[in-house]
Amino acid sequence: MLKGIDVEGIKIMVTILDNEYIATSRMCTHSTFDLSQGHYADGYVTCMLHTSVFDLSTGEPMNLPAKKPLDLYKTVVKENKLYLELD
């Protein structure tokens, strides 16, 4: 499951991978497509516009046309609330 959120004007995508929250930028680095609307499987998200695949644990694109990785954000869970470190 992918969840798109906006925090302080930043478009972020959150998912759970190996029982941990993963937060990345959610816009494809190749073209304007909201990856939270993409296809998610086994820790990877596919951009439905040009089929670039991103590894959500590293943000790295696995194929062209995307070349630039997604930004990663540190996540912390405290008292059942998810916090993101944006810097």
PDB file of N, CA and C in Angstrom:
ATOM      1  N   MET A   1       0.828  -1.175   0.000  1.00  0.00           N
ATOM      2  CA  MET A   1       0.000   0.000   0.000  1.00  0.00           C
ATOM      3  C   MET A   1       0.880   1.247   0.000  1.00  0.00           C
ATOM      4  N   LEU A   2       0.545   2.206  -0.825  1.00  0.00           N
ATOM      5  CA  LEU A   2       1.246   3.478  -0.899  1.00  0.00           C
ATOM      6  C   LEU A   2       0.298   4.578  -0.451  1.00  0.00           C
ATOM      7  N   LYS A   3       0.783   5.478   0.374  1.00  0.00           N
ATOM      8  CA  LYS A   3      -0.033   6.590   0.855  1.00  0.00           C
ATOM      9  C   LYS A   3       0.660   7.893   0.499  1.00  0.00           C
ATOM     10  N   GLY A   4      -0.003   8.730  -0.275  1.00  0.00           N
ATOM     11  CA  GLY A   4       0.536  10.034  -0.612  1.00  0.00           C
ATOM     12  C   GLY A   4       0.087  11.072   0.400  1.00  0.00           C
ATOM     13  N   ILE A   5       1.039  11.889   0.878  1.00  0.00           N
ATOM     14  CA  ILE A   5       0.724  12.973   1.817  1.00  0.00           C
ATOM     15  C   ILE A   5       1.519  14.205   1.404  1.00  0.00           C
ATOM     16  N   ASP A   6       1.049  15.364   1.844  1.00  0.00           N
ATOM     17  CA  ASP A   6       1.776  16.619   1.659  1.00  0.00           C
ATOM     18  C   ASP A   6       2.171  17.137   3.034  1.00  0.00           C
ATOM     19  N   VAL A   7       3.462  17.419   3.205  1.00  0.00           N
ATOM     20  CA  VAL A   7       3.961  17.941   4.472  1.00  0.00           C
ATOM     21  C   VAL A   7       4.811  19.162   4.161  1.00  0.00           C
ATOM     22  N   GLU A   8       4.378  20.308   4.663  1.00  0.00           N
ATOM     23  CA  GLU A   8       5.093  21.562   4.450  1.00  0.00           C
ATOM     24  C   GLU A   8       5.387  21.785   2.964  1.00  0.00           C
ATOM     25  N   GLY A   9       4.418  21.470   2.110  1.00  0.00           N
ATOM     26  CA  GLY A   9       4.571  21.676   0.676  1.00  0.00           C
ATOM     27  C   GLY A   9       5.376  20.610  -0.045  1.00  0.00           C
ATOM     28  N   ILE A  10       5.819  19.585   0.679  1.00  0.00           N
ATOM     29  CA  ILE A  10       6.602  18.503   0.079  1.00  0.00           C
ATOM     30  C   ILE A  10       5.676  17.320  -0.177  1.00  0.00           C
ATOM     31  N   LYS A  11       5.722  16.791  -1.396  1.00  0.00           N
ATOM     32  CA  LYS A  11       4.893  15.638  -1.771  1.00  0.00           C
ATOM     33  C   LYS A  11       5.644  14.362  -1.382  1.00  0.00           C
ATOM     34  N   ILE A  12       5.092  13.637  -0.416  1.00  0.00           N
ATOM     35  CA  ILE A  12       5.746  12.473   0.176  1.00  0.00           C
ATOM     36  C   ILE A  12       4.868  11.244  -0.001  1.00  0.00           C
ATOM     37  N   MET A  13       5.535  10.096  -0.133  1.00  0.00           N
ATOM     38  CA  MET A  13       4.852   8.816  -0.230  1.00  0.00           C
ATOM     39  C   MET A  13       5.346   7.939   0.921  1.00  0.00           C
ATOM     40  N   VAL A  14       4.409   7.297   1.620  1.00  0.00           N
ATOM     41  CA  VAL A  14       4.751   6.445   2.757  1.00  0.00           C
ATOM     42  C   VAL A  14       4.245   5.033   2.477  1.00  0.00           C
ATOM     43  N   THR A  15       5.060   4.055   2.835  1.00  0.00           N
ATOM     44  CA  THR A  15       4.643   2.665   2.762  1.00  0.00           C
ATOM     45  C   THR A  15       5.298   1.904   3.907  1.00  0.00           C
ATOM     46  N   ILE A  16       4.893   0.669   4.100  1.00  0.00           N
ATOM     47  CA  ILE A  16       5.520  -0.196   5.098  1.00  0.00           C
ATOM     48  C   ILE A  16       6.271  -1.288   4.352  1.00  0.00           C
ATOM     49  N   LEU A  17       7.546  -1.423   4.679  1.00  0.00           N
ATOM     50  CA  LEU A  17       8.406  -2.420   4.048  1.00  0.00           C
ATOM     51  C   LEU A  17       9.179  -3.129   5.146  1.00  0.00           C
ATOM     52  N   ASP A  18       9.053  -4.456   5.222  1.00  0.00           N
ATOM     53  CA  ASP A  18       9.717  -5.245   6.268  1.00  0.00           C
ATOM     54  C   ASP A  18       9.405  -4.705   7.662  1.00  0.00           C
ATOM     55  N   ASN A  19       8.125  -4.396   7.903  1.00  0.00           N
ATOM     56  CA  ASN A  19       7.636  -3.901   9.190  1.00  0.00           C
ATOM     57  C   ASN A  19       8.200  -2.546   9.598  1.00  0.00           C
ATOM     58  N   GLU A  20       8.702  -1.770   8.652  1.00  0.00           N
ATOM     59  CA  GLU A  20       9.194  -0.427   8.927  1.00  0.00           C
ATOM     60  C   GLU A  20       8.557   0.548   7.957  1.00  0.00           C
ATOM     61  N   TYR A  21       8.319   1.765   8.441  1.00  0.00           N
ATOM     62  CA  TYR A  21       7.803   2.800   7.557  1.00  0.00           C
ATOM     63  C   TYR A  21       8.927   3.325   6.672  1.00  0.00           C
ATOM     64  N   ILE A  22       8.616   3.488   5.401  1.00  0.00           N
ATOM     65  CA  ILE A  22       9.532   4.072   4.426  1.00  0.00           C
ATOM     66  C   ILE A  22       8.846   5.314   3.876  1.00  0.00           C
ATOM     67  N   ALA A  23       9.565   6.438   3.843  1.00  0.00           N
ATOM     68  CA  ALA A  23       9.022   7.672   3.284  1.00  0.00           C
ATOM     69  C   ALA A  23       9.968   8.181   2.203  1.00  0.00           C
ATOM     70  N   THR A  24       9.406   8.452   1.034  1.00  0.00           N
ATOM     71  CA  THR A  24      10.184   8.970  -0.096  1.00  0.00           C
ATOM     72  C   THR A  24       9.424  10.124  -0.729  1.00  0.00           C
ATOM     73  N   SER A  25      10.129  10.845  -1.605  1.00  0.00           N
ATOM     74  CA  SER A  25       9.408  11.793  -2.443  1.00  0.00           C
ATOM     75  C   SER A  25       8.463  10.979  -3.308  1.00  0.00           C
ATOM     76  N   ARG A  26       7.362  11.573  -3.720  1.00  0.00           N
ATOM     77  CA  ARG A  26       6.383  10.759  -4.422  1.00  0.00           C
ATOM     78  C   ARG A  26       6.223  11.096  -5.897  1.00  0.00           C
ATOM     79  N   MET A  27       6.922  12.097  -6.383  1.00  0.00           N
ATOM     80  CA  MET A  27       6.833  12.436  -7.792  1.00  0.00           C
ATOM     81  C   MET A  27       7.969  11.741  -8.547  1.00  0.00           C
ATOM     82  N   CYS A  28       7.630  11.102  -9.656  1.00  0.00           N
ATOM     83  CA  CYS A  28       8.635  10.428 -10.473  1.00  0.00           C
ATOM     84  C   CYS A  28       9.715  11.440 -10.860  1.00  0.00           C
ATOM     85  N   THR A  29      10.965  11.036 -10.785  1.00  0.00           N
ATOM     86  CA  THR A  29      12.073  11.942 -11.090  1.00  0.00           C
ATOM     87  C   THR A  29      12.284  12.123 -12.588  1.00  0.00           C
ATOM     88  N   HIS A  30      11.592  11.343 -13.391  1.00  0.00           N
ATOM     89  CA  HIS A  30      11.689  11.494 -14.845  1.00  0.00           C
ATOM     90  C   HIS A  30      10.621  12.428 -15.388  1.00  0.00           C
ATOM     91  N   SER A  31       9.403  12.270 -14.909  1.00  0.00           N
ATOM     92  CA  SER A  31       8.285  13.044 -15.435  1.00  0.00           C
ATOM     93  C   SER A  31       7.294  13.289 -14.310  1.00  0.00           C
ATOM     94  N   THR A  32       6.356  14.153 -14.534  1.00  0.00           N
ATOM     95  CA  THR A  32       5.391  14.502 -13.502  1.00  0.00           C
ATOM     96  C   THR A  32       4.332  13.416 -13.381  1.00  0.00           C
ATOM     97  N   PHE A  33       4.568  12.488 -12.469  1.00  0.00           N
ATOM     98  CA  PHE A  33       3.595  11.445 -12.165  1.00  0.00           C
ATOM     99  C   PHE A  33       3.654  11.165 -10.681  1.00  0.00           C
ATOM    100  N   ASP A  34       2.499  11.103 -10.045  1.00  0.00           N
ATOM    101  CA  ASP A  34       2.403  10.835  -8.620  1.00  0.00           C
ATOM    102  C   ASP A  34       2.574   9.330  -8.390  1.00  0.00           C
ATOM    103  N   LEU A  35       3.722   8.942  -7.860  1.00  0.00           N
ATOM    104  CA  LEU A  35       4.033   7.527  -7.674  1.00  0.00           C
ATOM    105  C   LEU A  35       3.126   6.824  -6.667  1.00  0.00           C
ATOM    106  N   SER A  36       2.446   7.586  -5.820  1.00  0.00           N
ATOM    107  CA  SER A  36       1.517   6.927  -4.896  1.00  0.00           C
ATOM    108  C   SER A  36       0.328   6.343  -5.660  1.00  0.00           C
ATOM    109  N   GLN A  37       0.192   6.705  -6.925  1.00  0.00           N
ATOM    110  CA  GLN A  37      -0.828   6.141  -7.803  1.00  0.00           C
ATOM    111  C   GLN A  37      -0.244   5.042  -8.704  1.00  0.00           C
ATOM    112  N   GLY A  38       1.029   4.728  -8.492  1.00  0.00           N
ATOM    113  CA  GLY A  38       1.711   3.721  -9.302  1.00  0.00           C
ATOM    114  C   GLY A  38       1.440   2.305  -8.822  1.00  0.00           C
ATOM    115  N   HIS A  39       2.122   1.366  -9.436  1.00  0.00           N
ATOM    116  CA  HIS A  39       1.974  -0.053  -9.087  1.00  0.00           C
ATOM    117  C   HIS A  39       3.049  -0.409  -8.059  1.00  0.00           C
ATOM    118  N   TYR A  40       2.622  -0.928  -6.900  1.00  0.00           N
ATOM    119  CA  TYR A  40       3.538  -1.303  -5.825  1.00  0.00           C
ATOM    120  C   TYR A  40       3.599  -2.818  -5.702  1.00  0.00           C
ATOM    121  N   ALA A  41       4.830  -3.352  -5.626  1.00  0.00           N
ATOM    122  CA  ALA A  41       5.027  -4.784  -5.383  1.00  0.00           C
ATOM    123  C   ALA A  41       6.412  -5.014  -4.809  1.00  0.00           C
ATOM    124  N   ASP A  42       6.478  -5.755  -3.705  1.00  0.00           N
ATOM    125  CA  ASP A  42       7.748  -6.230  -3.127  1.00  0.00           C
ATOM    126  C   ASP A  42       8.787  -5.132  -2.914  1.00  0.00           C
ATOM    127  N   GLY A  43       8.361  -3.958  -2.459  1.00  0.00           N
ATOM    128  CA  GLY A  43       9.302  -2.890  -2.152  1.00  0.00           C
ATOM    129  C   GLY A  43       9.683  -2.019  -3.337  1.00  0.00           C
ATOM    130  N   TYR A  44       8.997  -2.191  -4.444  1.00  0.00           N
ATOM    131  CA  TYR A  44       9.265  -1.404  -5.652  1.00  0.00           C
ATOM    132  C   TYR A  44       7.980  -0.730  -6.105  1.00  0.00           C
ATOM    133  N   VAL A  45       8.115   0.478  -6.666  1.00  0.00           N
ATOM    134  CA  VAL A  45       6.976   1.165  -7.244  1.00  0.00           C
ATOM    135  C   VAL A  45       7.287   1.445  -8.710  1.00  0.00           C
ATOM    136  N   THR A  46       6.282   1.237  -9.561  1.00  0.00           N
ATOM    137  CA  THR A  46       6.421   1.474 -10.994  1.00  0.00           C
ATOM    138  C   THR A  46       5.629   2.710 -11.381  1.00  0.00           C
ATOM    139  N   CYS A  47       6.295   3.618 -12.058  1.00  0.00           N
ATOM    140  CA  CYS A  47       5.628   4.792 -12.615  1.00  0.00           C
ATOM    141  C   CYS A  47       4.788   4.331 -13.798  1.00  0.00           C
ATOM    142  N   MET A  48       3.517   4.603 -13.751  1.00  0.00           N
ATOM    143  CA  MET A  48       2.617   4.128 -14.793  1.00  0.00           C
ATOM    144  C   MET A  48       2.710   4.964 -16.068  1.00  0.00           C
ATOM    145  N   LEU A  49       3.444   6.076 -16.031  1.00  0.00           N
ATOM    146  CA  LEU A  49       3.558   6.934 -17.209  1.00  0.00           C
ATOM    147  C   LEU A  49       4.587   6.415 -18.202  1.00  0.00           C
ATOM    148  N   HIS A  50       5.803   6.098 -17.706  1.00  0.00           N
ATOM    149  CA  HIS A  50       6.867   5.617 -18.596  1.00  0.00           C
ATOM    150  C   HIS A  50       7.559   4.358 -18.068  1.00  0.00           C
ATOM    151  N   THR A  51       6.985   3.680 -17.101  1.00  0.00           N
ATOM    152  CA  THR A  51       7.401   2.395 -16.533  1.00  0.00           C
ATOM    153  C   THR A  51       8.762   2.370 -15.830  1.00  0.00           C
ATOM    154  N   SER A  52       9.240   3.517 -15.369  1.00  0.00           N
ATOM    155  CA  SER A  52      10.429   3.476 -14.518  1.00  0.00           C
ATOM    156  C   SER A  52      10.058   2.813 -13.199  1.00  0.00           C
ATOM    157  N   VAL A  53      10.968   2.011 -12.659  1.00  0.00           N
ATOM    158  CA  VAL A  53      10.759   1.302 -11.395  1.00  0.00           C
ATOM    159  C   VAL A  53      11.746   1.857 -10.376  1.00  0.00           C
ATOM    160  N   PHE A  54      11.267   2.102  -9.145  1.00  0.00           N
ATOM    161  CA  PHE A  54      12.109   2.621  -8.069  1.00  0.00           C
ATOM    162  C   PHE A  54      12.130   1.645  -6.904  1.00  0.00           C
ATOM    163  N   ASP A  55      13.323   1.433  -6.346  1.00  0.00           N
ATOM    164  CA  ASP A  55      13.500   0.646  -5.125  1.00  0.00           C
ATOM    165  C   ASP A  55      13.192   1.579  -3.961  1.00  0.00           C
ATOM    166  N   LEU A  56      12.137   1.310  -3.221  1.00  0.00           N
ATOM    167  CA  LEU A  56      11.729   2.230  -2.163  1.00  0.00           C
ATOM    168  C   LEU A  56      12.659   2.220  -0.953  1.00  0.00           C
ATOM    169  N   SER A  57      13.449   1.191  -0.776  1.00  0.00           N
ATOM    170  CA  SER A  57      14.378   1.174   0.362  1.00  0.00           C
ATOM    171  C   SER A  57      15.585   2.081   0.126  1.00  0.00           C
ATOM    172  N   THR A  58      15.917   2.341  -1.134  1.00  0.00           N
ATOM    173  CA  THR A  58      17.063   3.194  -1.461  1.00  0.00           C
ATOM    174  C   THR A  58      16.675   4.428  -2.264  1.00  0.00           C
ATOM    175  N   GLY A  59      15.511   4.398  -2.890  1.00  0.00           N
ATOM    176  CA  GLY A  59      15.086   5.481  -3.766  1.00  0.00           C
ATOM    177  C   GLY A  59      15.634   5.383  -5.174  1.00  0.00           C
ATOM    178  N   GLU A  60      16.524   4.434  -5.413  1.00  0.00           N
ATOM    179  CA  GLU A  60      17.210   4.319  -6.701  1.00  0.00           C
ATOM    180  C   GLU A  60      16.284   3.844  -7.819  1.00  0.00           C
ATOM    181  N   PRO A  61      16.417   4.466  -9.000  1.00  0.00           N
ATOM    182  CA  PRO A  61      15.676   3.956 -10.155  1.00  0.00           C
ATOM    183  C   PRO A  61      16.333   2.678 -10.654  1.00  0.00           C
ATOM    184  N   MET A  62      15.524   1.722 -11.045  1.00  0.00           N
ATOM    185  CA  MET A  62      16.047   0.432 -11.490  1.00  0.00           C
ATOM    186  C   MET A  62      16.167   0.348 -13.012  1.00  0.00           C
ATOM    187  N   ASN A  63      15.557   1.298 -13.710  1.00  0.00           N
ATOM    188  CA  ASN A  63      15.619   1.289 -15.165  1.00  0.00           C
ATOM    189  C   ASN A  63      15.350   2.701 -15.696  1.00  0.00           C
ATOM    190  N   LEU A  64      15.640   2.890 -16.951  1.00  0.00           N
ATOM    191  CA  LEU A  64      15.366   4.158 -17.622  1.00  0.00           C
ATOM    192  C   LEU A  64      13.876   4.231 -17.944  1.00  0.00           C
ATOM    193  N   PRO A  65      13.320   5.383 -18.129  1.00  0.00           N
ATOM    194  CA  PRO A  65      14.004   6.637 -18.388  1.00  0.00           C
ATOM    195  C   PRO A  65      14.425   7.398 -17.132  1.00  0.00           C
ATOM    196  N   ALA A  66      13.958   7.031 -15.937  1.00  0.00           N
ATOM    197  CA  ALA A  66      14.382   7.737 -14.723  1.00  0.00           C
ATOM    198  C   ALA A  66      15.857   7.478 -14.450  1.00  0.00           C
ATOM    199  N   LYS A  67      16.563   8.529 -14.065  1.00  0.00           N
ATOM    200  CA  LYS A  67      17.989   8.427 -13.744  1.00  0.00           C
ATOM    201  C   LYS A  67      18.288   8.896 -12.320  1.00  0.00           C
ATOM    202  N   LYS A  68      17.469   9.793 -11.811  1.00  0.00           N
ATOM    203  CA  LYS A  68      17.690  10.391 -10.496  1.00  0.00           C
ATOM    204  C   LYS A  68      16.892   9.621  -9.438  1.00  0.00           C
ATOM    205  N   PRO A  69      17.486   9.380  -8.276  1.00  0.00           N
ATOM    206  CA  PRO A  69      16.761   8.661  -7.213  1.00  0.00           C
ATOM    207  C   PRO A  69      15.702   9.534  -6.547  1.00  0.00           C
ATOM    208  N   LEU A  70      14.773   8.870  -5.884  1.00  0.00           N
ATOM    209  CA  LEU A  70      13.802   9.562  -5.049  1.00  0.00           C
ATOM    210  C   LEU A  70      14.484  10.027  -3.776  1.00  0.00           C
ATOM    211  N   ASP A  71      14.013  11.124  -3.207  1.00  0.00           N
ATOM    212  CA  ASP A  71      14.506  11.556  -1.899  1.00  0.00           C
ATOM    213  C   ASP A  71      13.954  10.614  -0.842  1.00  0.00           C
ATOM    214  N   LEU A  72      14.769  10.302   0.163  1.00  0.00           N
ATOM    215  CA  LEU A  72      14.342   9.465   1.292  1.00  0.00           C
ATOM    216  C   LEU A  72      14.220  10.343   2.532  1.00  0.00           C
ATOM    217  N   TYR A  73      13.257  10.044   3.373  1.00  0.00           N
ATOM    218  CA  TYR A  73      13.051  10.787   4.615  1.00  0.00           C
ATOM    219  C   TYR A  73      13.076   9.817   5.788  1.00  0.00           C
ATOM    220  N   LYS A  74      13.794  10.205   6.830  1.00  0.00           N
ATOM    221  CA  LYS A  74      13.879   9.371   8.022  1.00  0.00           C
ATOM    222  C   LYS A  74      12.521   9.354   8.717  1.00  0.00           C
ATOM    223  N   THR A  75      12.112   8.171   9.169  1.00  0.00           N
ATOM    224  CA  THR A  75      10.839   8.016   9.874  1.00  0.00           C
ATOM    225  C   THR A  75      11.085   7.556  11.309  1.00  0.00           C
ATOM    226  N   VAL A  76      10.243   8.054  12.216  1.00  0.00           N
ATOM    227  CA  VAL A  76      10.297   7.662  13.619  1.00  0.00           C
ATOM    228  C   VAL A  76       8.862   7.486  14.102  1.00  0.00           C
ATOM    229  N   VAL A  77       8.590   6.397  14.809  1.00  0.00           N
ATOM    230  CA  VAL A  77       7.269   6.168  15.392  1.00  0.00           C
ATOM    231  C   VAL A  77       7.382   6.377  16.900  1.00  0.00           C
ATOM    232  N   LYS A  78       6.545   7.308  17.409  1.00  0.00           N
ATOM    233  CA  LYS A  78       6.482   7.565  18.849  1.00  0.00           C
ATOM    234  C   LYS A  78       5.021   7.607  19.246  1.00  0.00           C
ATOM    235  N   GLU A  79       4.670   6.824  20.249  1.00  0.00           N
ATOM    236  CA  GLU A  79       3.309   6.805  20.785  1.00  0.00           C
ATOM    237  C   GLU A  79       2.276   6.637  19.671  1.00  0.00           C
ATOM    238  N   ASN A  80       2.540   5.690  18.789  1.00  0.00           N
ATOM    239  CA  ASN A  80       1.645   5.342  17.673  1.00  0.00           C
ATOM    240  C   ASN A  80       1.470   6.462  16.655  1.00  0.00           C
ATOM    241  N   LYS A  81       2.395   7.411  16.595  1.00  0.00           N
ATOM    242  CA  LYS A  81       2.362   8.481  15.593  1.00  0.00           C
ATOM    243  C   LYS A  81       3.644   8.414  14.766  1.00  0.00           C
ATOM    244  N   LEU A  82       3.475   8.662  13.460  1.00  0.00           N
ATOM    245  CA  LEU A  82       4.606   8.649  12.545  1.00  0.00           C
ATOM    246  C   LEU A  82       5.138  10.062  12.384  1.00  0.00           C
ATOM    247  N   TYR A  83       6.449  10.209  12.573  1.00  0.00           N
ATOM    248  CA  TYR A  83       7.122  11.493  12.383  1.00  0.00           C
ATOM    249  C   TYR A  83       8.142  11.336  11.262  1.00  0.00           C
ATOM    250  N   LEU A  84       8.294  12.410  10.479  1.00  0.00           N
ATOM    251  CA  LEU A  84       9.258  12.428   9.389  1.00  0.00           C
ATOM    252  C   LEU A  84      10.294  13.500   9.628  1.00  0.00           C
ATOM    253  N   GLU A  85      11.548  13.199   9.325  1.00  0.00           N
ATOM    254  CA  GLU A  85      12.611  14.188   9.382  1.00  0.00           C
ATOM    255  C   GLU A  85      12.811  14.704   7.961  1.00  0.00           C
ATOM    256  N   LEU A  86      12.473  15.960   7.723  1.00  0.00           N
ATOM    257  CA  LEU A  86      12.491  16.497   6.373  1.00  0.00           C
ATOM    258  C   LEU A  86      13.829  17.096   5.962  1.00  0.00           C
ATOM    259  N   ASP A  87      14.727  17.365   6.891  1.00  0.00           N
ATOM    260  CA  ASP A  87      16.041  17.949   6.524  1.00  0.00           C
ATOM    261  C   ASP A  87      17.064  16.906   6.264  1.00  0.00           C
TER     262      ASP A  87
END
